[in-house]
Amino acid sequence: MLVIQDTLISEEIIEEQFHCNLTACKGACCHEGDYGAPVDAEEEKIIHQYLDVIKSNLTAESIEFIDNHGALTFYKEPKVLGTSCLPDGACVFLTKNELGISICGIEKTWYEGKIPFQKPVSCHLYPIRISSNDIIGFEAWNYDRWDICSAACAKGKEEKMPIYKFVKDAIIRKKGLEFYEELDAAAQHMSQK
């Protein structure tokens, strides 16, 4: 593990390679899994603030589900607030393009310039998953290996793309440029060993 500022970072985030390959997986991480994308308290407020605008990019099924059950759900296991999931397991904000590739309805609305919020940072950082301990004040960042991402691993190896570089914008969004530069310097140092 590396320690950058107040964060423990698995060395796999530097050593393993990853680059989403949406033509292969169709965005399976948006419609498979045990719970929705984790959101923090600030993201919860923003999603509720812009929900009516976001709904313009959602399916009728998602809109009905949100109206009846809510856009966010507290998941008892792993004790996290996250995006709600439809009965088939898909994120309630999931839409698909004409090729059947998953598109985040929140992000689509952001790309259209209608809201200032891109999507939950937990999605933006994927395949990094964050666990935190508020009592002792630390975060741990780990690589979330998932077999549905095998095409992303293969593409990452082809492109020689370490995970932390693939999610550079998300890391900067979450922790700032200085944090990313410290992480990059540590990665460069490790590669020289």
Protein backbone atom coordinates (compact mmCIF):
# COMPACT_ATOMS: atom_id res chain seq x y z
CA MET A 1 0.00 0.00 0.00
CA LEU A 2 1.02 3.57 -0.69
CA VAL A 3 0.07 6.52 1.45
CA ILE A 4 -0.73 9.73 -0.41
CA GLN A 5 -1.86 12.51 1.91
CA ASP A 6 -4.67 10.90 3.99
CA THR A 7 -5.31 8.00 1.61
CA LEU A 8 -4.11 4.41 1.49
CA ILE A 9 -3.76 3.30 -2.13
CA SER A 10 -3.39 -0.27 -3.29
CA GLU A 11 -0.32 -0.74 -5.46
CA GLU A 12 -2.59 -2.54 -7.95
CA ILE A 13 -3.99 0.88 -8.92
CA ILE A 14 -0.53 1.69 -10.26
CA GLU A 15 0.53 -1.74 -11.47
CA GLU A 16 -2.63 -3.07 -13.13
CA GLN A 17 -3.83 -1.81 -16.49
CA PHE A 18 -7.36 -0.91 -17.47
CA HIS A 19 -9.25 0.98 -20.17
CA CYS A 20 -13.03 0.64 -20.54
CA ASN A 21 -14.04 -1.15 -23.71
CA LEU A 22 -17.71 -0.26 -24.01
CA THR A 23 -18.14 -1.91 -27.40
CA ALA A 24 -17.28 -5.23 -25.73
CA CYS A 25 -19.05 -4.98 -22.36
CA LYS A 26 -21.82 -2.48 -23.27
CA GLY A 27 -21.36 -0.85 -19.86
CA ALA A 28 -22.20 -3.95 -17.85
CA CYS A 29 -21.09 -2.29 -14.60
CA CYS A 30 -24.18 -0.05 -14.89
CA HIS A 31 -26.63 -2.94 -14.98
CA GLU A 32 -24.98 -5.70 -12.96
CA GLY A 33 -24.00 -5.89 -9.33
CA ASP A 34 -25.49 -6.00 -5.88
CA TYR A 35 -26.20 -2.30 -5.32
CA GLY A 36 -26.22 1.07 -7.07
CA ALA A 37 -23.39 3.58 -7.33
CA PRO A 38 -22.40 4.98 -3.94
CA VAL A 39 -23.12 8.69 -3.47
CA ASP A 40 -21.96 11.06 -0.76
CA ALA A 41 -24.09 13.65 1.04
CA GLU A 42 -23.17 16.47 -1.36
CA GLU A 43 -23.96 14.32 -4.41
CA GLU A 44 -27.29 13.35 -2.84
CA LYS A 45 -28.26 17.03 -2.62
CA ILE A 46 -27.16 17.74 -6.20
CA ILE A 47 -29.01 14.74 -7.64
CA HIS A 48 -32.22 15.76 -5.88
CA GLN A 49 -31.75 19.39 -6.94
CA TYR A 50 -31.45 18.49 -10.63
CA LEU A 51 -33.60 15.35 -10.72
CA ASP A 52 -36.36 16.85 -12.87
CA VAL A 53 -33.80 17.95 -15.48
CA ILE A 54 -32.04 14.56 -15.39
CA LYS A 55 -35.37 12.79 -15.92
CA SER A 56 -35.49 14.24 -19.44
CA ASN A 57 -32.77 11.71 -20.34
CA LEU A 58 -34.24 8.69 -18.57
CA THR A 59 -36.53 5.92 -19.73
CA ALA A 60 -40.20 5.86 -18.79
CA GLU A 61 -39.48 2.81 -16.61
CA SER A 62 -36.79 4.70 -14.68
CA ILE A 63 -38.96 7.78 -14.23
CA GLU A 64 -41.83 5.67 -12.89
CA PHE A 65 -39.47 3.82 -10.55
CA ILE A 66 -37.99 7.08 -9.23
CA ASP A 67 -41.45 8.57 -8.72
CA ASN A 68 -42.59 5.49 -6.75
CA HIS A 69 -39.40 4.42 -4.93
CA GLY A 70 -36.89 7.27 -5.10
CA ALA A 71 -33.71 7.92 -7.04
CA LEU A 72 -31.45 6.86 -4.16
CA THR A 73 -31.53 3.91 -1.78
CA PHE A 74 -29.71 3.11 1.45
CA TYR A 75 -28.16 -0.33 1.05
CA LYS A 76 -27.89 -2.14 4.39
CA GLU A 77 -24.99 -4.14 3.06
CA PRO A 78 -22.45 -2.44 2.52
CA LYS A 79 -24.12 0.34 4.56
CA VAL A 80 -24.00 2.93 1.80
CA LEU A 81 -26.36 5.35 0.10
CA GLY A 82 -26.41 4.70 -3.62
CA THR A 83 -28.36 5.10 -6.81
CA SER A 84 -31.50 2.98 -6.85
CA CYS A 85 -31.63 -0.12 -9.02
CA LEU A 86 -34.49 -1.28 -11.20
CA PRO A 87 -35.89 -4.78 -10.57
CA ASP A 88 -33.55 -6.19 -13.26
CA GLY A 89 -30.52 -4.78 -11.39
CA ALA A 90 -29.82 -1.84 -13.71
CA CYS A 91 -29.01 1.56 -12.23
CA VAL A 92 -32.11 3.74 -12.33
CA PHE A 93 -30.11 6.39 -14.22
CA LEU A 94 -29.07 3.96 -16.97
CA THR A 95 -30.02 4.67 -20.54
CA LYS A 96 -28.66 3.09 -23.70
CA ASN A 97 -27.56 4.48 -27.02
CA GLU A 98 -28.53 3.14 -30.44
CA LEU A 99 -25.76 0.50 -30.19
CA GLY A 100 -27.09 -0.81 -26.88
CA ILE A 101 -24.20 0.69 -24.91
CA SER A 102 -25.04 1.92 -21.42
CA ILE A 103 -25.06 5.68 -20.97
CA CYS A 104 -25.49 7.44 -17.64
CA GLY A 105 -28.55 9.69 -17.80
CA ILE A 106 -26.91 12.07 -15.31
CA GLU A 107 -23.75 12.31 -17.40
CA LYS A 108 -25.74 12.73 -20.61
CA THR A 109 -27.53 15.69 -19.03
CA TRP A 110 -24.15 17.11 -17.94
CA TYR A 111 -22.73 16.73 -21.48
CA GLU A 112 -25.74 18.67 -22.75
CA GLY A 113 -24.74 21.52 -20.42
CA LYS A 114 -27.98 21.35 -18.43
CA ILE A 115 -26.44 20.55 -15.02
CA PRO A 116 -23.06 21.22 -13.36
CA PHE A 117 -22.68 17.66 -12.02
CA GLN A 118 -21.09 14.95 -14.18
CA LYS A 119 -22.07 11.76 -12.31
CA PRO A 120 -21.33 10.14 -8.94
CA VAL A 121 -17.58 10.19 -8.39
CA SER A 122 -17.78 6.49 -7.47
CA CYS A 123 -18.74 5.79 -11.10
CA HIS A 124 -16.14 8.17 -12.47
CA LEU A 125 -13.38 6.45 -10.42
CA TYR A 126 -14.33 2.91 -11.40
CA PRO A 127 -12.57 0.39 -11.19
CA ILE A 128 -11.27 2.06 -8.03
CA ARG A 129 -13.49 1.52 -5.00
CA ILE A 130 -13.12 3.64 -1.89
CA SER A 131 -13.75 2.46 1.62
CA SER A 132 -13.45 4.89 4.48
CA ASN A 133 -13.27 4.92 8.22
CA ASP A 134 -14.60 8.21 9.50
CA ILE A 135 -13.64 7.40 13.10
CA ILE A 136 -9.91 7.30 12.39
CA GLY A 137 -10.17 9.50 9.32
CA PHE A 138 -8.73 7.56 6.41
CA GLU A 139 -9.74 6.31 3.00
CA ALA A 140 -8.51 3.15 1.33
CA TRP A 141 -8.53 2.92 -2.46
CA ASN A 142 -8.59 -0.55 -3.95
CA TYR A 143 -8.85 -2.08 -7.39
CA ASP A 144 -12.26 -3.73 -7.79
CA ARG A 145 -11.60 -6.77 -9.97
CA TRP A 146 -14.70 -7.94 -11.77
CA ASP A 147 -14.89 -10.56 -14.50
CA ILE A 148 -17.23 -8.39 -16.58
CA CYS A 149 -14.28 -6.02 -17.04
CA SER A 150 -11.98 -8.58 -18.73
CA ALA A 151 -12.21 -6.66 -22.04
CA ALA A 152 -11.17 -3.47 -20.20
CA CYS A 153 -8.17 -5.27 -18.73
CA ALA A 154 -7.15 -6.55 -22.17
CA LYS A 155 -7.55 -3.09 -23.72
CA GLY A 156 -5.59 -1.54 -20.85
CA LYS A 157 -2.71 -3.94 -21.48
CA GLU A 158 -2.77 -3.15 -25.20
CA GLU A 159 -2.65 0.57 -24.48
CA LYS A 160 -0.28 0.22 -21.49
CA MET A 161 -2.75 2.26 -19.43
CA PRO A 162 -2.36 1.99 -15.63
CA ILE A 163 -5.63 2.28 -13.72
CA TYR A 164 -4.63 5.53 -12.04
CA LYS A 165 -3.96 7.17 -15.42
CA PHE A 166 -7.22 5.87 -16.87
CA VAL A 167 -9.16 7.58 -14.07
CA LYS A 168 -6.92 10.68 -13.85
CA ASP A 169 -9.79 13.16 -14.29
CA ALA A 170 -11.82 11.41 -11.60
CA ILE A 171 -8.90 11.39 -9.16
CA ILE A 172 -8.35 15.10 -9.73
CA ARG A 173 -12.08 15.71 -9.30
CA LYS A 174 -12.10 13.76 -6.01
CA LYS A 175 -8.79 14.80 -4.45
CA GLY A 176 -7.26 17.61 -6.52
CA LEU A 177 -4.33 17.99 -8.91
CA GLU A 178 -1.68 17.99 -6.17
CA PHE A 179 -2.90 14.58 -4.95
CA TYR A 180 -2.78 13.17 -8.49
CA GLU A 181 0.73 14.54 -9.04
CA GLU A 182 1.93 12.93 -5.79
CA LEU A 183 0.39 9.63 -6.88
CA ASP A 184 2.00 9.90 -10.32
CA ALA A 185 5.41 10.68 -8.77
CA ALA A 186 5.09 7.62 -6.51
CA ALA A 187 4.17 5.50 -9.53
CA GLN A 188 7.20 6.78 -11.47
CA HIS A 189 9.43 6.01 -8.50
CA MET A 190 8.00 2.48 -8.20
CA SER A 191 8.54 1.81 -11.91
CA GLN A 192 12.24 2.66 -11.58
CA LYS A 193 12.79 -0.04 -8.97
